């Protein structure tokens, strides 16, 4: 009736740039580089899952994960907690906190042993930290010969994420449609999500723009993050016949605010030689817009012209320093026991022009648009 599983990763990461931090999620307060020369916080986590099979139709699952959070603690958080009712072998409904399978490995993005890399490419999986939602989903499976297609729809009233520096993000009316098709060793995934997002508290720059009257209000309406429509579209494909694997994903995240249009993609492949799997990955993240004309200072009263120019400079600093980068990664996985693996990975990242890429905690000596090398090693386990 009850099934218990556990998983985890013990990792260490080193960054060649000591003037900024590299990490796997923007919900973490520090990482490798400035915060720690060698950081165990980037990829280390422990998870436990309990499944209760009440009957042939009714089941429940609870999953807890302990990893570094925004407050720099490792207190366990509820990743999943839902009840599932299987109306037919093809149709089911889940209610509670459920996984949100926007990407190919969304349901296992935090289970290192299930993935070939130390971590899924941040150019795609780092665009949004959303991995679950509190609501319900419906799932229906279609079987056509050797092809199985799963159609899923989910809805959550609201979802809130706590971020470093005392910020938080709330998404309301989170709706998603997912189509996943399996054919032999091939897997295809399409997803589309919409929500309305708000950042708390409001960035001071936009509050100051309000003092400029209607022109400033227009800037806030365009770039402010208050109840803005957000959309995520993702497409992925993987092929894994056993001896080798190849996978690719593309995603676009548009927030209708200063976050703008974010597009990420990657291609990755590896070859299995006994217990070793060397692999290569190339990934890219682009953003737009990266600049704005702001308020026309010449159209304002003279005493406001200086303020407008300063605010426009601040807005362009925000837009110009949004994350853009490309990464060449090479690694190897060693399955040295049935439920244990060791991975070593090296990333060479070229930051976008004038951009810090996905690095944060920037220090005065940081070089925008430069390069950074990341060394990662991790032991993953499941039982």
Protein backbone atom coordinates (compact mmCIF):
# COMPACT_ATOMS: atom_id res chain seq x y z
CA UNK A 1 0.00 0.00 0.00
CA UNK A 2 2.84 2.38 0.80
CA UNK A 3 5.93 2.98 -1.33
CA UNK A 4 8.86 5.05 -0.07
CA UNK A 5 11.57 6.48 -2.32
CA UNK A 6 14.45 8.87 -1.72
CA UNK A 7 16.92 10.67 -3.91
CA UNK A 8 19.62 13.27 -3.61
CA UNK A 9 22.77 14.90 -4.89
CA UNK A 10 25.98 15.93 -3.17
CA UNK A 11 27.66 18.46 -5.42
CA UNK A 12 30.43 21.00 -5.44
CA UNK A 13 30.91 23.86 -7.91
CA UNK A 14 33.77 26.26 -8.64
CA UNK A 15 33.54 29.41 -10.78
CA UNK A 16 36.47 31.19 -12.42
CA UNK A 17 34.81 34.58 -11.74
CA UNK A 18 35.22 35.70 -8.12
CA UNK A 19 33.22 38.91 -8.70
CA UNK A 20 29.82 37.22 -9.12
CA UNK A 21 27.97 34.06 -8.15
CA UNK A 22 26.86 31.14 -10.29
CA UNK A 23 23.97 29.01 -9.14
CA UNK A 24 21.30 26.69 -10.50
CA UNK A 25 18.25 28.78 -9.52
CA UNK A 26 17.44 32.45 -8.97
CA UNK A 27 15.75 31.50 -5.69
CA UNK A 28 19.15 30.89 -4.06
CA UNK A 29 20.94 33.72 -2.18
CA UNK A 30 24.51 32.82 -3.19
CA UNK A 31 26.57 30.33 -5.14
CA UNK A 32 30.04 29.62 -6.50
CA UNK A 33 32.35 32.54 -7.24
CA UNK A 34 31.96 35.53 -4.97
CA UNK A 35 29.97 33.88 -2.17
CA UNK A 36 32.11 30.74 -2.03
CA UNK A 37 35.16 29.75 -4.01
CA UNK A 38 33.81 26.18 -3.88
CA UNK A 39 30.08 25.92 -3.22
CA UNK A 40 28.09 22.85 -2.17
CA UNK A 41 24.83 24.82 -2.26
CA UNK A 42 24.40 24.99 -6.03
CA UNK A 43 23.39 21.37 -6.70
CA UNK A 44 23.15 19.60 -3.33
CA UNK A 45 19.70 18.45 -2.25
CA UNK A 46 17.87 15.57 -0.61
CA UNK A 47 14.36 14.41 -1.43
CA UNK A 48 11.93 11.85 -0.05
CA UNK A 49 8.67 10.65 -1.53
CA UNK A 50 5.84 8.60 -0.02
CA UNK A 51 3.14 7.12 -2.24
CA UNK A 52 -0.04 5.62 -0.81
CA UNK A 53 -1.98 3.28 -3.09
CA UNK A 54 -5.34 3.34 -1.34
CA UNK A 55 -7.11 1.36 -4.07
CA UNK A 56 -6.74 0.51 -7.73
CA UNK A 57 -8.20 3.94 -8.53
CA UNK A 58 -7.22 6.17 -5.61
CA UNK A 59 -3.65 7.13 -4.65
CA UNK A 60 -1.80 9.96 -2.96
CA UNK A 61 1.78 11.21 -3.02
CA UNK A 62 3.86 13.53 -0.87
CA UNK A 63 7.37 14.63 -1.85
CA UNK A 64 9.66 16.73 0.34
CA UNK A 65 12.89 18.33 -0.88
CA UNK A 66 15.63 19.89 1.21
CA UNK A 67 17.91 22.31 -0.64
CA UNK A 68 19.26 25.81 -0.16
CA UNK A 69 16.44 28.34 -0.34
CA UNK A 70 16.15 32.13 -0.50
CA UNK A 71 16.74 32.46 3.27
CA UNK A 72 19.95 30.35 3.08
CA UNK A 73 18.41 27.43 4.99
CA UNK A 74 17.87 23.79 4.09
CA UNK A 75 14.48 23.35 5.71
CA UNK A 76 12.39 20.80 3.78
CA UNK A 77 9.77 22.16 1.41
CA UNK A 78 6.74 20.34 0.03
CA UNK A 79 7.38 19.80 -3.68
CA UNK A 80 4.36 17.55 -4.32
CA UNK A 81 1.30 16.73 -2.21
CA UNK A 82 -1.68 15.53 -4.19
CA UNK A 83 -4.47 13.00 -4.48
CA UNK A 84 -5.00 11.13 -7.75
CA UNK A 85 -8.15 9.41 -8.93
CA UNK A 86 -7.90 7.06 -11.90
CA UNK A 87 -11.33 7.07 -13.58
CA UNK A 88 -10.13 4.72 -16.34
CA UNK A 89 -6.69 3.38 -17.31
CA UNK A 90 -6.47 6.34 -19.71
CA UNK A 91 -8.07 9.19 -17.72
CA UNK A 92 -7.15 10.62 -14.29
CA UNK A 93 -7.41 13.76 -12.19
CA UNK A 94 -5.00 15.09 -9.55
CA UNK A 95 -5.75 17.70 -6.90
CA UNK A 96 -3.21 19.42 -4.64
CA UNK A 97 0.40 20.42 -5.25
CA UNK A 98 1.39 18.79 -8.52
CA UNK A 99 4.40 18.79 -10.81
CA UNK A 100 4.16 21.12 -13.80
CA UNK A 101 5.71 19.28 -16.77
CA UNK A 102 6.59 22.27 -18.93
CA UNK A 103 9.90 20.74 -20.02
CA UNK A 104 11.15 17.30 -21.00
CA UNK A 105 12.50 16.51 -17.53
CA UNK A 106 10.29 18.78 -15.42
CA UNK A 107 9.07 15.95 -13.19
CA UNK A 108 12.67 14.83 -12.59
CA UNK A 109 14.57 18.13 -12.88
CA UNK A 110 15.64 17.84 -9.23
CA UNK A 111 16.46 14.12 -9.39
CA UNK A 112 20.06 14.22 -10.51
CA UNK A 113 20.30 10.47 -11.06
CA UNK A 114 17.52 10.65 -13.68
CA UNK A 115 19.44 13.16 -15.85
CA UNK A 116 22.66 12.77 -17.84
CA UNK A 117 24.03 16.18 -16.77
CA UNK A 118 25.00 17.60 -13.39
CA UNK A 119 22.00 19.94 -13.85
CA UNK A 120 19.59 20.66 -16.73
CA UNK A 121 20.90 23.54 -18.88
CA UNK A 122 20.17 26.81 -17.06
CA UNK A 123 19.61 28.61 -20.38
CA UNK A 124 16.27 26.77 -20.57
CA UNK A 125 15.45 25.47 -17.09
CA UNK A 126 16.68 28.65 -15.40
CA UNK A 127 14.24 30.88 -17.31
CA UNK A 128 11.51 30.12 -14.78
CA UNK A 129 11.86 28.52 -11.35
CA UNK A 130 8.30 27.15 -11.48
CA UNK A 131 8.36 23.38 -10.93
CA UNK A 132 4.92 22.80 -9.36
CA UNK A 133 1.52 24.40 -8.86
CA UNK A 134 -1.28 24.23 -6.29
CA UNK A 135 -4.45 23.30 -8.14
CA UNK A 136 -5.67 20.44 -10.28
CA UNK A 137 -4.83 18.72 -13.52
CA UNK A 138 -6.56 16.35 -15.90
CA UNK A 139 -4.67 13.80 -17.98
CA UNK A 140 -5.84 11.59 -20.84
CA UNK A 141 -3.76 9.04 -22.74
CA UNK A 142 -4.33 8.04 -26.35
CA UNK A 143 -2.87 4.79 -27.70
CA UNK A 144 -2.40 4.51 -31.45
CA UNK A 145 -0.35 1.46 -32.31
CA UNK A 146 3.11 1.91 -30.79
CA UNK A 147 2.45 5.61 -30.07
CA UNK A 148 1.15 6.92 -26.76
CA UNK A 149 0.09 10.57 -26.51
CA UNK A 150 -0.76 12.16 -23.17
CA UNK A 151 -2.93 15.28 -23.14
CA UNK A 152 -2.88 17.24 -19.89
CA UNK A 153 -4.44 20.46 -18.65
CA UNK A 154 -3.82 22.13 -15.28
CA UNK A 155 -5.04 25.17 -13.38
CA UNK A 156 -3.85 26.89 -10.21
CA UNK A 157 -5.43 29.93 -8.60
CA UNK A 158 -2.13 31.41 -7.42
CA UNK A 159 1.54 30.56 -6.95
CA UNK A 160 4.08 32.54 -4.91
CA UNK A 161 7.89 32.30 -4.92
CA UNK A 162 10.13 33.91 -2.32
CA UNK A 163 13.28 35.45 -3.81
CA UNK A 164 16.53 36.84 -2.36
CA UNK A 165 16.76 40.49 -1.27
CA UNK A 166 13.26 40.31 0.26
CA UNK A 167 11.48 40.13 -3.09
CA UNK A 168 8.72 37.69 -4.00
CA UNK A 169 6.82 36.87 -7.16
CA UNK A 170 3.16 35.89 -7.33
CA UNK A 171 1.47 34.32 -10.34
CA UNK A 172 -2.32 34.15 -10.55
CA UNK A 173 -4.61 32.08 -12.75
CA UNK A 174 -1.85 29.71 -13.83
CA UNK A 175 -3.17 27.61 -16.72
CA UNK A 176 -1.16 25.08 -18.70
CA UNK A 177 -1.67 22.69 -21.60
CA UNK A 178 0.82 19.86 -22.18
CA UNK A 179 1.08 17.31 -24.98
CA UNK A 180 3.61 14.49 -24.55
CA UNK A 181 4.09 11.76 -27.16
CA UNK A 182 6.14 8.58 -26.79
CA UNK A 183 7.12 6.40 -29.72
CA UNK A 184 9.67 3.72 -29.04
CA UNK A 185 12.85 5.44 -27.85
CA UNK A 186 11.57 8.88 -28.90
CA UNK A 187 9.82 11.41 -26.65
CA UNK A 188 8.21 14.68 -27.74
CA UNK A 189 6.92 17.39 -25.42
CA UNK A 190 4.90 20.56 -26.13
CA UNK A 191 3.62 22.90 -23.42
CA UNK A 192 1.97 26.28 -23.13
CA UNK A 193 1.38 28.20 -19.90
CA UNK A 194 -0.27 31.52 -19.13
CA UNK A 195 -0.49 33.46 -15.87
CA UNK A 196 -0.63 37.00 -14.46
CA UNK A 197 2.51 37.90 -12.51
CA UNK A 198 3.31 40.55 -9.90
CA UNK A 199 6.62 41.38 -8.22
CA UNK A 200 6.60 42.47 -4.56
CA UNK A 201 7.64 45.06 -3.55
CA UNK A 202 7.52 47.37 -6.57
CA UNK A 203 10.97 48.38 -7.87
CA UNK A 204 11.71 51.91 -6.67
CA UNK A 205 12.63 53.09 -10.17
CA UNK A 206 9.06 52.64 -11.37
CA UNK A 207 7.60 54.40 -8.34
CA UNK A 208 9.83 57.37 -9.21
CA UNK A 209 8.63 57.35 -12.82
CA UNK A 210 5.08 57.96 -11.54
CA UNK A 211 6.23 61.40 -10.37
CA UNK A 212 6.67 62.44 -14.03
CA UNK A 213 2.94 62.28 -14.74
CA UNK A 214 1.39 60.65 -17.80
CA UNK A 215 4.72 60.00 -19.64
CA UNK A 216 6.08 58.25 -16.56
CA UNK A 217 2.87 56.26 -16.13
CA UNK A 218 3.25 55.01 -19.71
CA UNK A 219 6.75 53.69 -18.90
CA UNK A 220 5.48 51.93 -15.78
CA UNK A 221 2.59 50.39 -17.73
CA UNK A 222 5.07 49.05 -20.26
CA UNK A 223 7.88 47.82 -17.99
CA UNK A 224 6.40 47.52 -14.50
CA UNK A 225 5.67 44.04 -13.16
CA UNK A 226 2.17 44.33 -11.69
CA UNK A 227 -0.48 41.86 -12.85
CA UNK A 228 1.28 41.34 -16.18
CA UNK A 229 0.36 38.55 -18.56
CA UNK A 230 3.13 35.93 -18.73
CA UNK A 231 3.35 33.16 -21.31
CA UNK A 232 5.70 30.21 -21.60
CA UNK A 233 5.90 28.05 -24.70
CA UNK A 234 8.23 25.07 -24.78
CA UNK A 235 9.03 22.30 -27.25
CA UNK A 236 11.40 19.39 -26.71
CA UNK A 237 12.46 16.09 -28.22
CA UNK A 238 14.71 13.30 -27.02
CA UNK A 239 15.84 9.97 -28.44
CA UNK A 240 17.46 7.34 -26.25
CA UNK A 241 17.79 3.83 -27.73
CA UNK A 242 20.12 2.79 -24.90
CA UNK A 243 23.61 2.95 -26.36
CA UNK A 244 23.45 6.72 -26.91
CA UNK A 245 21.11 9.65 -26.39
CA UNK A 246 20.29 12.96 -28.06
CA UNK A 247 17.97 15.67 -26.76
CA UNK A 248 17.02 19.24 -27.63
CA UNK A 249 14.64 21.82 -26.17
CA UNK A 250 13.48 25.33 -27.01
CA UNK A 251 11.44 27.68 -24.83
CA UNK A 252 10.15 31.24 -24.95
CA UNK A 253 9.12 33.18 -21.85
CA UNK A 254 7.40 36.56 -22.35
CA UNK A 255 6.48 38.56 -19.25
CA UNK A 256 5.18 41.82 -20.84
CA UNK A 257 7.40 43.81 -18.45
CA UNK A 258 11.07 44.71 -17.94
CA UNK A 259 11.72 40.96 -17.94
CA UNK A 260 10.71 41.02 -21.61
CA UNK A 261 11.10 38.20 -24.11
CA UNK A 262 13.47 35.39 -23.07
CA UNK A 263 14.35 32.60 -25.49
CA UNK A 264 16.48 29.63 -24.56
CA UNK A 265 17.46 26.44 -26.32
CA UNK A 266 19.99 23.64 -26.13
CA UNK A 267 21.14 20.51 -27.91
CA UNK A 268 22.87 17.70 -26.07
CA UNK A 269 24.08 14.19 -26.76
CA UNK A 270 26.14 11.43 -25.24
CA UNK A 271 27.43 7.91 -25.85
CA UNK A 272 27.46 5.09 -23.29
CA UNK A 273 30.64 3.06 -22.99
CA UNK A 274 30.16 0.40 -20.30
CA UNK A 275 29.50 2.43 -17.12
CA UNK A 276 30.77 5.72 -18.58
CA UNK A 277 28.69 8.28 -20.51
CA UNK A 278 30.61 11.24 -21.95
CA UNK A 279 28.33 14.01 -23.20
CA UNK A 280 28.36 17.44 -24.85
CA UNK A 281 25.84 20.30 -24.59
CA UNK A 282 25.49 23.61 -26.40
CA UNK A 283 22.94 26.08 -25.01
CA UNK A 284 21.90 29.67 -25.73
CA UNK A 285 19.80 32.30 -23.92
CA UNK A 286 18.77 35.56 -25.61
CA UNK A 287 16.65 38.46 -24.32
CA UNK A 288 14.86 41.49 -25.76
CA UNK A 289 14.44 44.40 -25.55
CA UNK A 290 17.81 45.51 -24.19
CA UNK A 291 17.21 49.28 -24.31
CA UNK A 292 14.43 51.88 -24.25
CA UNK A 293 14.08 55.53 -25.23
CA UNK A 294 12.33 56.11 -21.93
CA UNK A 295 10.60 59.41 -21.26
CA UNK A 296 11.30 62.33 -23.60
CA UNK A 297 13.02 64.69 -21.17
CA UNK A 298 12.75 67.60 -23.60
CA UNK A 299 8.95 67.41 -23.44
CA UNK A 300 8.92 67.81 -19.65
CA UNK A 301 9.26 70.99 -17.57
CA UNK A 302 12.90 72.00 -17.16
CA UNK A 303 12.99 71.14 -13.47
CA UNK A 304 12.06 67.50 -14.29
CA UNK A 305 14.48 67.02 -17.20
CA UNK A 306 17.38 65.92 -15.00
CA UNK A 307 15.21 63.46 -13.07
CA UNK A 308 13.86 61.98 -16.31
CA UNK A 309 17.37 61.52 -17.72
CA UNK A 310 18.51 59.76 -14.54
CA UNK A 311 15.47 57.48 -14.54
CA UNK A 312 15.95 56.65 -18.22
CA UNK A 313 19.56 55.71 -17.48
CA UNK A 314 18.40 53.44 -14.65
CA UNK A 315 15.81 51.77 -16.89
CA UNK A 316 18.38 51.10 -19.59
CA UNK A 317 20.75 49.68 -17.01
CA UNK A 318 18.06 47.18 -15.98
CA UNK A 319 17.24 46.24 -19.59
CA UNK A 320 20.86 46.10 -20.72
CA UNK A 321 21.96 43.85 -17.88
CA UNK A 322 19.33 41.16 -18.29
CA UNK A 323 20.65 37.60 -18.70
CA UNK A 324 21.98 36.59 -22.11
CA UNK A 325 24.66 33.97 -22.68
CA UNK A 326 25.78 30.87 -24.55
CA UNK A 327 27.50 27.84 -23.04
CA UNK A 328 29.65 24.98 -24.30
CA UNK A 329 29.59 22.13 -21.79
CA UNK A 330 31.37 18.79 -21.65
CA UNK A 331 31.00 16.15 -19.00
CA UNK A 332 31.11 12.49 -18.10
CA UNK A 333 28.82 10.32 -15.99
CA UNK A 334 30.12 7.22 -14.22
CA UNK A 335 27.52 4.77 -12.93
CA UNK A 336 29.77 3.11 -10.37
CA UNK A 337 26.93 1.33 -8.54
CA UNK A 338 23.33 0.36 -9.28
CA UNK A 339 21.84 3.41 -7.59
CA UNK A 340 24.85 5.76 -7.57
CA UNK A 341 26.60 7.89 -10.14
CA UNK A 342 29.46 10.40 -10.24
CA UNK A 343 29.36 13.28 -12.72
CA UNK A 344 32.04 15.79 -13.66
CA UNK A 345 31.16 18.72 -15.93
CA UNK A 346 32.95 21.80 -17.27
CA UNK A 347 30.99 24.77 -18.67
CA UNK A 348 32.53 27.56 -20.72
CA UNK A 349 30.07 30.46 -20.85
CA UNK A 350 30.25 33.59 -23.01
CA UNK A 351 28.10 36.34 -21.50
CA UNK A 352 26.04 38.52 -23.82
CA UNK A 353 27.30 42.03 -24.68
CA UNK A 354 26.97 44.19 -21.56
CA UNK A 355 25.16 41.34 -19.77
CA UNK A 356 25.97 39.43 -16.56
CA UNK A 357 24.33 36.32 -18.01
CA UNK A 358 22.82 34.13 -15.32
CA UNK A 359 25.41 35.31 -12.77
CA UNK A 360 24.28 37.44 -9.83
CA UNK A 361 25.62 39.04 -6.61
CA UNK A 362 27.67 41.25 -8.92
CA UNK A 363 30.61 43.09 -7.37
CA UNK A 364 32.27 46.37 -8.47
CA UNK A 365 35.06 44.53 -10.31
CA UNK A 366 32.70 42.35 -12.37
CA UNK A 367 33.26 42.37 -16.15
CA UNK A 368 29.99 42.48 -18.09
CA UNK A 369 30.00 40.56 -21.36
CA UNK A 370 33.03 38.48 -20.38
CA UNK A 371 33.52 34.73 -20.06
CA UNK A 372 33.33 32.38 -17.11
CA UNK A 373 34.32 28.75 -16.60
CA UNK A 374 32.33 26.54 -14.24
CA UNK A 375 33.62 23.24 -12.82
CA UNK A 376 31.00 20.94 -11.29
CA UNK A 377 31.16 17.52 -9.65
CA UNK A 378 28.26 15.63 -8.10
CA UNK A 379 27.33 12.26 -6.67
CA UNK A 380 23.67 11.34 -7.27
CA UNK A 381 21.74 8.55 -5.56
CA UNK A 382 18.27 7.01 -5.54
CA UNK A 383 16.73 4.28 -3.43
